[in-house]
Amino acid sequence: MEKRLRKSSIYGLVFGLAISILLVNYKDVTQVGDGVYQTTYKPIMEYIVSILRSGIIGMFLGLFIGWNSYERKHKPQEEKSYYLPFFFVVFLVSISLMVVFNW
């Protein structure tokens, strides 16, 4: 199980980094006057941190998907597990803290 979780979290991290490189903006374009636009670029550390943040969220999602697929294949249906609700609570609390503190 450990090998499967490690692989799924690494795949989630790589996939999250790839998607965040495509979607995270590195510049802001604002209209200053009539037809005049000003482009400001983000500092490199801020850009890297925002990419890493999205990659780590992808890693946790990949870890959850790997764990969930392992649980479905290897555990009987009669056993009640509380890992899924606990994961969602921790994930939602961390997302809400990121939004509140404008991470």
PDB file of N, CA and C in Angstrom:
ATOM      1  N   MET A   1       0.824  -1.186   0.000  1.00  0.00           N
ATOM      2  CA  MET A   1       0.000   0.000   0.000  1.00  0.00           C
ATOM      3  C   MET A   1       0.873   1.256   0.000  1.00  0.00           C
ATOM      4  N   GLU A   2       1.981   1.208   0.735  1.00  0.00           N
ATOM      5  CA  GLU A   2       2.842   2.386   0.816  1.00  0.00           C
ATOM      6  C   GLU A   2       3.399   2.769  -0.559  1.00  0.00           C
ATOM      7  N   LYS A   3       3.776   1.766  -1.324  1.00  0.00           N
ATOM      8  CA  LYS A   3       4.315   2.041  -2.662  1.00  0.00           C
ATOM      9  C   LYS A   3       3.249   2.678  -3.556  1.00  0.00           C
ATOM     10  N   ARG A   4       2.027   2.178  -3.455  1.00  0.00           N
ATOM     11  CA  ARG A   4       0.945   2.718  -4.273  1.00  0.00           C
ATOM     12  C   ARG A   4       0.625   4.164  -3.885  1.00  0.00           C
ATOM     13  N   LEU A   5       0.596   4.443  -2.567  1.00  0.00           N
ATOM     14  CA  LEU A   5       0.324   5.812  -2.113  1.00  0.00           C
ATOM     15  C   LEU A   5       1.446   6.760  -2.526  1.00  0.00           C
ATOM     16  N   ARG A   6       2.678   6.295  -2.440  1.00  0.00           N
ATOM     17  CA  ARG A   6       3.805   7.131  -2.843  1.00  0.00           C
ATOM     18  C   ARG A   6       3.734   7.459  -4.339  1.00  0.00           C
ATOM     19  N   LYS A   7       3.443   6.456  -5.156  1.00  0.00           N
ATOM     20  CA  LYS A   7       3.346   6.683  -6.597  1.00  0.00           C
ATOM     21  C   LYS A   7       2.204   7.620  -6.946  1.00  0.00           C
ATOM     22  N   SER A   8       1.049   7.429  -6.303  1.00  0.00           N
ATOM     23  CA  SER A   8      -0.090   8.281  -6.633  1.00  0.00           C
ATOM     24  C   SER A   8       0.145   9.717  -6.169  1.00  0.00           C
ATOM     25  N   SER A   9       0.828   9.912  -5.032  1.00  0.00           N
ATOM     26  CA  SER A   9       1.107  11.285  -4.602  1.00  0.00           C
ATOM     27  C   SER A   9       2.144  11.949  -5.506  1.00  0.00           C
ATOM     28  N   ILE A  10       3.129  11.204  -5.983  1.00  0.00           N
ATOM     29  CA  ILE A  10       4.113  11.784  -6.906  1.00  0.00           C
ATOM     30  C   ILE A  10       3.448  12.137  -8.233  1.00  0.00           C
ATOM     31  N   TYR A  11       2.586  11.255  -8.732  1.00  0.00           N
ATOM     32  CA  TYR A  11       1.869  11.560  -9.965  1.00  0.00           C
ATOM     33  C   TYR A  11       0.957  12.765  -9.789  1.00  0.00           C
ATOM     34  N   GLY A  12       0.294  12.864  -8.645  1.00  0.00           N
ATOM     35  CA  GLY A  12      -0.554  14.019  -8.372  1.00  0.00           C
ATOM     36  C   GLY A  12       0.249  15.308  -8.302  1.00  0.00           C
ATOM     37  N   LEU A  13       1.454  15.250  -7.699  1.00  0.00           N
ATOM     38  CA  LEU A  13       2.310  16.432  -7.627  1.00  0.00           C
ATOM     39  C   LEU A  13       2.754  16.875  -9.017  1.00  0.00           C
ATOM     40  N   VAL A  14       3.193  15.934  -9.825  1.00  0.00           N
ATOM     41  CA  VAL A  14       3.649  16.274 -11.177  1.00  0.00           C
ATOM     42  C   VAL A  14       2.493  16.816 -12.010  1.00  0.00           C
ATOM     43  N   PHE A  15       1.333  16.173 -11.913  1.00  0.00           N
ATOM     44  CA  PHE A  15       0.165  16.636 -12.662  1.00  0.00           C
ATOM     45  C   PHE A  15      -0.278  18.016 -12.174  1.00  0.00           C
ATOM     46  N   GLY A  16      -0.274  18.222 -10.866  1.00  0.00           N
ATOM     47  CA  GLY A  16      -0.640  19.527 -10.316  1.00  0.00           C
ATOM     48  C   GLY A  16       0.322  20.623 -10.724  1.00  0.00           C
ATOM     49  N   LEU A  17       1.628  20.311 -10.745  1.00  0.00           N
ATOM     50  CA  LEU A  17       2.614  21.301 -11.196  1.00  0.00           C
ATOM     51  C   LEU A  17       2.421  21.634 -12.670  1.00  0.00           C
ATOM     52  N   ALA A  18       2.166  20.608 -13.478  1.00  0.00           N
ATOM     53  CA  ALA A  18       1.981  20.846 -14.912  1.00  0.00           C
ATOM     54  C   ALA A  18       0.753  21.715 -15.176  1.00  0.00           C
ATOM     55  N   ILE A  19      -0.341  21.419 -14.508  1.00  0.00           N
ATOM     56  CA  ILE A  19      -1.554  22.206 -14.702  1.00  0.00           C
ATOM     57  C   ILE A  19      -1.369  23.628 -14.174  1.00  0.00           C
ATOM     58  N   SER A  20      -0.695  23.769 -13.038  1.00  0.00           N
ATOM     59  CA  SER A  20      -0.524  25.111 -12.469  1.00  0.00           C
ATOM     60  C   SER A  20       0.425  25.962 -13.299  1.00  0.00           C
ATOM     61  N   ILE A  21       1.412  25.360 -13.943  1.00  0.00           N
ATOM     62  CA  ILE A  21       2.283  26.132 -14.826  1.00  0.00           C
ATOM     63  C   ILE A  21       1.473  26.703 -15.984  1.00  0.00           C
ATOM     64  N   LEU A  22       0.496  25.932 -16.445  1.00  0.00           N
ATOM     65  CA  LEU A  22      -0.332  26.411 -17.550  1.00  0.00           C
ATOM     66  C   LEU A  22      -1.343  27.473 -17.116  1.00  0.00           C
ATOM     67  N   LEU A  23      -1.851  27.389 -15.888  1.00  0.00           N
ATOM     68  CA  LEU A  23      -2.970  28.236 -15.502  1.00  0.00           C
ATOM     69  C   LEU A  23      -2.626  29.423 -14.606  1.00  0.00           C
ATOM     70  N   VAL A  24      -1.482  29.404 -13.926  1.00  0.00           N
ATOM     71  CA  VAL A  24      -1.145  30.502 -13.014  1.00  0.00           C
ATOM     72  C   VAL A  24      -0.584  31.666 -13.831  1.00  0.00           C
ATOM     73  N   ASN A  25      -1.153  32.844 -13.621  1.00  0.00           N
ATOM     74  CA  ASN A  25      -0.693  34.034 -14.340  1.00  0.00           C
ATOM     75  C   ASN A  25       0.597  34.566 -13.735  1.00  0.00           C
ATOM     76  N   TYR A  26       1.516  34.971 -14.587  1.00  0.00           N
ATOM     77  CA  TYR A  26       2.766  35.540 -14.122  1.00  0.00           C
ATOM     78  C   TYR A  26       2.822  37.046 -14.339  1.00  0.00           C
ATOM     79  N   LYS A  27       1.752  37.604 -14.907  1.00  0.00           N
ATOM     80  CA  LYS A  27       1.719  39.050 -15.131  1.00  0.00           C
ATOM     81  C   LYS A  27       0.299  39.565 -14.941  1.00  0.00           C
ATOM     82  N   ASP A  28       0.213  40.843 -14.655  1.00  0.00           N
ATOM     83  CA  ASP A  28      -1.068  41.533 -14.536  1.00  0.00           C
ATOM     84  C   ASP A  28      -1.109  42.660 -15.559  1.00  0.00           C
ATOM     85  N   VAL A  29      -2.174  42.705 -16.342  1.00  0.00           N
ATOM     86  CA  VAL A  29      -2.333  43.750 -17.341  1.00  0.00           C
ATOM     87  C   VAL A  29      -3.481  44.647 -16.893  1.00  0.00           C
ATOM     88  N   THR A  30      -3.189  45.943 -16.747  1.00  0.00           N
ATOM     89  CA  THR A  30      -4.217  46.903 -16.344  1.00  0.00           C
ATOM     90  C   THR A  30      -4.301  48.017 -17.380  1.00  0.00           C
ATOM     91  N   GLN A  31      -5.501  48.526 -17.553  1.00  0.00           N
ATOM     92  CA  GLN A  31      -5.704  49.619 -18.491  1.00  0.00           C
ATOM     93  C   GLN A  31      -5.487  50.934 -17.750  1.00  0.00           C
ATOM     94  N   VAL A  32      -4.510  51.715 -18.224  1.00  0.00           N
ATOM     95  CA  VAL A  32      -4.155  52.972 -17.579  1.00  0.00           C
ATOM     96  C   VAL A  32      -4.948  54.127 -18.164  1.00  0.00           C
ATOM     97  N   GLY A  33      -5.039  54.165 -19.459  1.00  0.00           N
ATOM     98  CA  GLY A  33      -5.748  55.255 -20.123  1.00  0.00           C
ATOM     99  C   GLY A  33      -6.528  54.732 -21.305  1.00  0.00           C
ATOM    100  N   ASP A  34      -6.808  55.626 -22.246  1.00  0.00           N
ATOM    101  CA  ASP A  34      -7.565  55.263 -23.436  1.00  0.00           C
ATOM    102  C   ASP A  34      -6.678  54.444 -24.368  1.00  0.00           C
ATOM    103  N   GLY A  35      -6.830  53.131 -24.347  1.00  0.00           N
ATOM    104  CA  GLY A  35      -6.050  52.256 -25.213  1.00  0.00           C
ATOM    105  C   GLY A  35      -4.634  52.027 -24.737  1.00  0.00           C
ATOM    106  N   VAL A  36      -4.301  52.461 -23.535  1.00  0.00           N
ATOM    107  CA  VAL A  36      -2.949  52.283 -22.992  1.00  0.00           C
ATOM    108  C   VAL A  36      -3.025  51.237 -21.885  1.00  0.00           C
ATOM    109  N   TYR A  37      -2.211  50.217 -22.005  1.00  0.00           N
ATOM    110  CA  TYR A  37      -2.185  49.139 -21.023  1.00  0.00           C
ATOM    111  C   TYR A  37      -0.821  49.089 -20.359  1.00  0.00           C
ATOM    112  N   GLN A  38      -0.829  48.727 -19.082  1.00  0.00           N
ATOM    113  CA  GLN A  38       0.414  48.600 -18.338  1.00  0.00           C
ATOM    114  C   GLN A  38       0.546  47.151 -17.863  1.00  0.00           C
ATOM    115  N   THR A  39       1.702  46.566 -18.113  1.00  0.00           N
ATOM    116  CA  THR A  39       1.945  45.184 -17.730  1.00  0.00           C
ATOM    117  C   THR A  39       2.912  45.158 -16.553  1.00  0.00           C
ATOM    118  N   THR A  40       2.514  44.505 -15.478  1.00  0.00           N
ATOM    119  CA  THR A  40       3.398  44.313 -14.333  1.00  0.00           C
ATOM    120  C   THR A  40       3.583  42.819 -14.123  1.00  0.00           C
ATOM    121  N   TYR A  41       4.822  42.428 -13.893  1.00  0.00           N
ATOM    122  CA  TYR A  41       5.150  41.026 -13.710  1.00  0.00           C
ATOM    123  C   TYR A  41       5.278  40.708 -12.229  1.00  0.00           C
ATOM    124  N   LYS A  42       4.834  39.512 -11.856  1.00  0.00           N
ATOM    125  CA  LYS A  42       4.948  39.078 -10.472  1.00  0.00           C
ATOM    126  C   LYS A  42       6.418  38.778 -10.151  1.00  0.00           C
ATOM    127  N   PRO A  43       6.807  38.968  -8.906  1.00  0.00           N
ATOM    128  CA  PRO A  43       8.155  38.534  -8.520  1.00  0.00           C
ATOM    129  C   PRO A  43       8.292  37.021  -8.684  1.00  0.00           C
ATOM    130  N   ILE A  44       9.497  36.560  -8.986  1.00  0.00           N
ATOM    131  CA  ILE A  44       9.705  35.155  -9.308  1.00  0.00           C
ATOM    132  C   ILE A  44       9.373  34.243  -8.133  1.00  0.00           C
ATOM    133  N   MET A  45       9.668  34.687  -6.910  1.00  0.00           N
ATOM    134  CA  MET A  45       9.370  33.840  -5.746  1.00  0.00           C
ATOM    135  C   MET A  45       7.861  33.703  -5.532  1.00  0.00           C
ATOM    136  N   GLU A  46       7.115  34.758  -5.760  1.00  0.00           N
ATOM    137  CA  GLU A  46       5.659  34.686  -5.624  1.00  0.00           C
ATOM    138  C   GLU A  46       5.070  33.741  -6.669  1.00  0.00           C
ATOM    139  N   TYR A  47       5.606  33.777  -7.879  1.00  0.00           N
ATOM    140  CA  TYR A  47       5.141  32.892  -8.941  1.00  0.00           C
ATOM    141  C   TYR A  47       5.464  31.431  -8.608  1.00  0.00           C
ATOM    142  N   ILE A  48       6.666  31.183  -8.122  1.00  0.00           N
ATOM    143  CA  ILE A  48       7.066  29.813  -7.784  1.00  0.00           C
ATOM    144  C   ILE A  48       6.235  29.280  -6.626  1.00  0.00           C
ATOM    145  N   VAL A  49       5.983  30.108  -5.612  1.00  0.00           N
ATOM    146  CA  VAL A  49       5.194  29.661  -4.468  1.00  0.00           C
ATOM    147  C   VAL A  49       3.758  29.354  -4.887  1.00  0.00           C
ATOM    148  N   SER A  50       3.190  30.139  -5.762  1.00  0.00           N
ATOM    149  CA  SER A  50       1.821  29.853  -6.208  1.00  0.00           C
ATOM    150  C   SER A  50       1.763  28.569  -7.036  1.00  0.00           C
ATOM    151  N   ILE A  51       2.796  28.289  -7.811  1.00  0.00           N
ATOM    152  CA  ILE A  51       2.852  27.036  -8.564  1.00  0.00           C
ATOM    153  C   ILE A  51       3.011  25.848  -7.617  1.00  0.00           C
ATOM    154  N   LEU A  52       3.885  25.980  -6.627  1.00  0.00           N
ATOM    155  CA  LEU A  52       4.084  24.899  -5.670  1.00  0.00           C
ATOM    156  C   LEU A  52       2.831  24.641  -4.836  1.00  0.00           C
ATOM    157  N   ARG A  53       2.115  25.698  -4.488  1.00  0.00           N
ATOM    158  CA  ARG A  53       0.883  25.526  -3.716  1.00  0.00           C
ATOM    159  C   ARG A  53      -0.126  24.703  -4.507  1.00  0.00           C
ATOM    160  N   SER A  54      -0.287  25.010  -5.774  1.00  0.00           N
ATOM    161  CA  SER A  54      -1.219  24.237  -6.597  1.00  0.00           C
ATOM    162  C   SER A  54      -0.724  22.807  -6.788  1.00  0.00           C
ATOM    163  N   GLY A  55       0.575  22.634  -6.919  1.00  0.00           N
ATOM    164  CA  GLY A  55       1.134  21.289  -7.051  1.00  0.00           C
ATOM    165  C   GLY A  55       0.917  20.447  -5.817  1.00  0.00           C
ATOM    166  N   ILE A  56       1.024  21.053  -4.635  1.00  0.00           N
ATOM    167  CA  ILE A  56       0.822  20.305  -3.396  1.00  0.00           C
ATOM    168  C   ILE A  56      -0.648  19.944  -3.221  1.00  0.00           C
ATOM    169  N   ILE A  57      -1.544  20.813  -3.639  1.00  0.00           N
ATOM    170  CA  ILE A  57      -2.967  20.457  -3.610  1.00  0.00           C
ATOM    171  C   ILE A  57      -3.218  19.269  -4.536  1.00  0.00           C
ATOM    172  N   GLY A  58      -2.582  19.266  -5.716  1.00  0.00           N
ATOM    173  CA  GLY A  58      -2.684  18.122  -6.625  1.00  0.00           C
ATOM    174  C   GLY A  58      -2.102  16.860  -6.020  1.00  0.00           C
ATOM    175  N   MET A  59      -1.023  17.003  -5.223  1.00  0.00           N
ATOM    176  CA  MET A  59      -0.424  15.847  -4.571  1.00  0.00           C
ATOM    177  C   MET A  59      -1.402  15.232  -3.564  1.00  0.00           C
ATOM    178  N   PHE A  60      -2.080  16.081  -2.777  1.00  0.00           N
ATOM    179  CA  PHE A  60      -3.039  15.551  -1.825  1.00  0.00           C
ATOM    180  C   PHE A  60      -4.221  14.887  -2.527  1.00  0.00           C
ATOM    181  N   LEU A  61      -4.659  15.452  -3.631  1.00  0.00           N
ATOM    182  CA  LEU A  61      -5.746  14.817  -4.384  1.00  0.00           C
ATOM    183  C   LEU A  61      -5.309  13.476  -4.963  1.00  0.00           C
ATOM    184  N   GLY A  62      -4.074  13.406  -5.484  1.00  0.00           N
ATOM    185  CA  GLY A  62      -3.552  12.136  -5.988  1.00  0.00           C
ATOM    186  C   GLY A  62      -3.395  11.110  -4.891  1.00  0.00           C
ATOM    187  N   LEU A  63      -2.961  11.550  -3.710  1.00  0.00           N
ATOM    188  CA  LEU A  63      -2.847  10.656  -2.564  1.00  0.00           C
ATOM    189  C   LEU A  63      -4.211  10.119  -2.158  1.00  0.00           C
ATOM    190  N   PHE A  64      -5.206  10.977  -2.155  1.00  0.00           N
ATOM    191  CA  PHE A  64      -6.557  10.542  -1.811  1.00  0.00           C
ATOM    192  C   PHE A  64      -7.101   9.560  -2.839  1.00  0.00           C
ATOM    193  N   ILE A  65      -6.879   9.822  -4.112  1.00  0.00           N
ATOM    194  CA  ILE A  65      -7.370   8.926  -5.157  1.00  0.00           C
ATOM    195  C   ILE A  65      -6.693   7.563  -5.060  1.00  0.00           C
ATOM    196  N   GLY A  66      -5.377   7.555  -4.818  1.00  0.00           N
ATOM    197  CA  GLY A  66      -4.662   6.291  -4.656  1.00  0.00           C
ATOM    198  C   GLY A  66      -5.133   5.518  -3.446  1.00  0.00           C
ATOM    199  N   TRP A  67      -5.351   6.203  -2.333  1.00  0.00           N
ATOM    200  CA  TRP A  67      -5.837   5.531  -1.132  1.00  0.00           C
ATOM    201  C   TRP A  67      -7.244   4.989  -1.340  1.00  0.00           C
ATOM    202  N   ASN A  68      -8.101   5.775  -1.973  1.00  0.00           N
ATOM    203  CA  ASN A  68      -9.480   5.358  -2.195  1.00  0.00           C
ATOM    204  C   ASN A  68      -9.545   4.143  -3.120  1.00  0.00           C
ATOM    205  N   SER A  69      -8.735   4.110  -4.161  1.00  0.00           N
ATOM    206  CA  SER A  69      -8.755   2.954  -5.058  1.00  0.00           C
ATOM    207  C   SER A  69      -8.206   1.713  -4.370  1.00  0.00           C
ATOM    208  N   TYR A  70      -7.214   1.877  -3.488  1.00  0.00           N
ATOM    209  CA  TYR A  70      -6.699   0.734  -2.731  1.00  0.00           C
ATOM    210  C   TYR A  70      -7.757   0.205  -1.765  1.00  0.00           C
ATOM    211  N   GLU A  71      -8.457   1.108  -1.096  1.00  0.00           N
ATOM    212  CA  GLU A  71      -9.497   0.701  -0.146  1.00  0.00           C
ATOM    213  C   GLU A  71     -10.609  -0.072  -0.851  1.00  0.00           C
ATOM    214  N   ARG A  72     -10.979   0.363  -2.031  1.00  0.00           N
ATOM    215  CA  ARG A  72     -12.071  -0.322  -2.745  1.00  0.00           C
ATOM    216  C   ARG A  72     -11.666  -1.727  -3.173  1.00  0.00           C
ATOM    217  N   LYS A  73     -10.398  -1.925  -3.507  1.00  0.00           N
ATOM    218  CA  LYS A  73      -9.963  -3.235  -4.002  1.00  0.00           C
ATOM    219  C   LYS A  73      -9.627  -4.215  -2.882  1.00  0.00           C
ATOM    220  N   HIS A  74      -9.181  -3.727  -1.732  1.00  0.00           N
ATOM    221  CA  HIS A  74      -8.631  -4.632  -0.731  1.00  0.00           C
ATOM    222  C   HIS A  74      -9.405  -4.713   0.580  1.00  0.00           C
ATOM    223  N   LYS A  75     -10.381  -3.881   0.798  1.00  0.00           N
ATOM    224  CA  LYS A  75     -11.129  -3.921   2.056  1.00  0.00           C
ATOM    225  C   LYS A  75     -12.540  -4.448   1.824  1.00  0.00           C
ATOM    226  N   PRO A  76     -13.046  -5.236   2.777  1.00  0.00           N
ATOM    227  CA  PRO A  76     -14.449  -5.678   2.638  1.00  0.00           C
ATOM    228  C   PRO A  76     -15.399  -4.510   2.863  1.00  0.00           C
ATOM    229  N   GLN A  77     -16.585  -4.627   2.315  1.00  0.00           N
ATOM    230  CA  GLN A  77     -17.555  -3.541   2.377  1.00  0.00           C
ATOM    231  C   GLN A  77     -18.198  -3.399   3.755  1.00  0.00           C
ATOM    232  N   GLU A  78     -18.091  -4.420   4.625  1.00  0.00           N
ATOM    233  CA  GLU A  78     -18.742  -4.365   5.923  1.00  0.00           C
ATOM    234  C   GLU A  78     -18.025  -3.446   6.905  1.00  0.00           C
ATOM    235  N   GLU A  79     -16.724  -3.257   6.731  1.00  0.00           N
ATOM    236  CA  GLU A  79     -15.951  -2.416   7.631  1.00  0.00           C
ATOM    237  C   GLU A  79     -16.243  -0.951   7.393  1.00  0.00           C
ATOM    238  N   LYS A  80     -16.456  -0.201   8.462  1.00  0.00           N
ATOM    239  CA  LYS A  80     -16.724   1.232   8.340  1.00  0.00           C
ATOM    240  C   LYS A  80     -15.437   1.979   8.641  1.00  0.00           C
ATOM    241  N   SER A  81     -15.024   2.806   7.700  1.00  0.00           N
ATOM    242  CA  SER A  81     -13.805   3.589   7.847  1.00  0.00           C
ATOM    243  C   SER A  81     -14.164   5.070   7.917  1.00  0.00           C
ATOM    244  N   TYR A  82     -13.487   5.791   8.787  1.00  0.00           N
ATOM    245  CA  TYR A  82     -13.737   7.221   8.934  1.00  0.00           C
ATOM    246  C   TYR A  82     -12.631   8.059   8.299  1.00  0.00           C
ATOM    247  N   TYR A  83     -11.807   7.455   7.474  1.00  0.00           N
ATOM    248  CA  TYR A  83     -10.730   8.199   6.819  1.00  0.00           C
ATOM    249  C   TYR A  83     -11.278   9.203   5.806  1.00  0.00           C
ATOM    250  N   LEU A  84     -12.296   8.818   5.078  1.00  0.00           N
ATOM    251  CA  LEU A  84     -12.857   9.695   4.051  1.00  0.00           C
ATOM    252  C   LEU A  84     -13.458  10.971   4.636  1.00  0.00           C
ATOM    253  N   PRO A  85     -14.315  10.904   5.646  1.00  0.00           N
ATOM    254  CA  PRO A  85     -14.820  12.162   6.216  1.00  0.00           C
ATOM    255  C   PRO A  85     -13.711  12.999   6.853  1.00  0.00           C
ATOM    256  N   PHE A  86     -12.770  12.340   7.511  1.00  0.00           N
ATOM    257  CA  PHE A  86     -11.662  13.073   8.129  1.00  0.00           C
ATOM    258  C   PHE A  86     -10.828  13.777   7.067  1.00  0.00           C
ATOM    259  N   PHE A  87     -10.563  13.109   5.933  1.00  0.00           N
ATOM    260  CA  PHE A  87      -9.797  13.729   4.854  1.00  0.00           C
ATOM    261  C   PHE A  87     -10.527  14.954   4.311  1.00  0.00           C
ATOM    262  N   PHE A  88     -11.826  14.835   4.087  1.00  0.00           N
ATOM    263  CA  PHE A  88     -12.578  15.966   3.555  1.00  0.00           C
ATOM    264  C   PHE A  88     -12.611  17.139   4.523  1.00  0.00           C
ATOM    265  N   VAL A  89     -12.722  16.855   5.812  1.00  0.00           N
ATOM    266  CA  VAL A  89     -12.735  17.938   6.794  1.00  0.00           C
ATOM    267  C   VAL A  89     -11.390  18.661   6.806  1.00  0.00           C
ATOM    268  N   VAL A  90     -10.292  17.914   6.830  1.00  0.00           N
ATOM    269  CA  VAL A  90      -8.961  18.534   6.825  1.00  0.00           C
ATOM    270  C   VAL A  90      -8.729  19.294   5.528  1.00  0.00           C
ATOM    271  N   PHE A  91      -9.155  18.722   4.410  1.00  0.00           N
ATOM    272  CA  PHE A  91      -8.961  19.374   3.120  1.00  0.00           C
ATOM    273  C   PHE A  91      -9.774  20.667   3.029  1.00  0.00           C
ATOM    274  N   LEU A  92     -11.017  20.642   3.457  1.00  0.00           N
ATOM    275  CA  LEU A  92     -11.854  21.844   3.398  1.00  0.00           C
ATOM    276  C   LEU A  92     -11.367  22.917   4.371  1.00  0.00           C
ATOM    277  N   VAL A  93     -10.891  22.509   5.548  1.00  0.00           N
ATOM    278  CA  VAL A  93     -10.353  23.487   6.496  1.00  0.00           C
ATOM    279  C   VAL A  93      -9.095  24.130   5.931  1.00  0.00           C
ATOM    280  N   SER A  94      -8.225  23.353   5.315  1.00  0.00           N
ATOM    281  CA  SER A  94      -7.006  23.929   4.750  1.00  0.00           C
ATOM    282  C   SER A  94      -7.315  24.860   3.574  1.00  0.00           C
ATOM    283  N   ILE A  95      -8.272  24.504   2.733  1.00  0.00           N
ATOM    284  CA  ILE A  95      -8.660  25.379   1.623  1.00  0.00           C
ATOM    285  C   ILE A  95      -9.268  26.673   2.153  1.00  0.00           C
ATOM    286  N   SER A  96     -10.119  26.569   3.167  1.00  0.00           N
ATOM    287  CA  SER A  96     -10.736  27.783   3.713  1.00  0.00           C
ATOM    288  C   SER A  96      -9.703  28.668   4.401  1.00  0.00           C
ATOM    289  N   LEU A  97      -8.719  28.081   5.069  1.00  0.00           N
ATOM    290  CA  LEU A  97      -7.654  28.888   5.674  1.00  0.00           C
ATOM    291  C   LEU A  97      -6.811  29.582   4.601  1.00  0.00           C
ATOM    292  N   MET A  98      -6.597  28.910   3.482  1.00  0.00           N
ATOM    293  CA  MET A  98      -5.851  29.539   2.395  1.00  0.00           C
ATOM    294  C   MET A  98      -6.623  30.725   1.837  1.00  0.00           C
ATOM    295  N   VAL A  99      -7.931  30.601   1.734  1.00  0.00           N
ATOM    296  CA  VAL A  99      -8.748  31.696   1.223  1.00  0.00           C
ATOM    297  C   VAL A  99      -8.799  32.837   2.226  1.00  0.00           C
ATOM    298  N   VAL A 100      -8.934  32.523   3.508  1.00  0.00           N
ATOM    299  CA  VAL A 100      -9.036  33.565   4.532  1.00  0.00           C
ATOM    300  C   VAL A 100      -7.729  34.345   4.646  1.00  0.00           C
ATOM    301  N   PHE A 101      -6.615  33.654   4.660  1.00  0.00           N
ATOM    302  CA  PHE A 101      -5.342  34.335   4.811  1.00  0.00           C
ATOM    303  C   PHE A 101      -4.728  34.749   3.484  1.00  0.00           C
ATOM    304  N   ASN A 102      -5.461  34.574   2.380  1.00  0.00           N
ATOM    305  CA  ASN A 102      -5.054  34.991   1.038  1.00  0.00           C
ATOM    306  C   ASN A 102      -3.669  34.461   0.687  1.00  0.00           C
ATOM    307  N   TRP A 103      -3.535  33.148   0.832  1.00  0.00           N
ATOM    308  CA  TRP A 103      -2.272  32.489   0.582  1.00  0.00           C
ATOM    309  C   TRP A 103      -2.015  32.518  -0.867  1.00  0.00           C
TER     310      TRP A 103
END
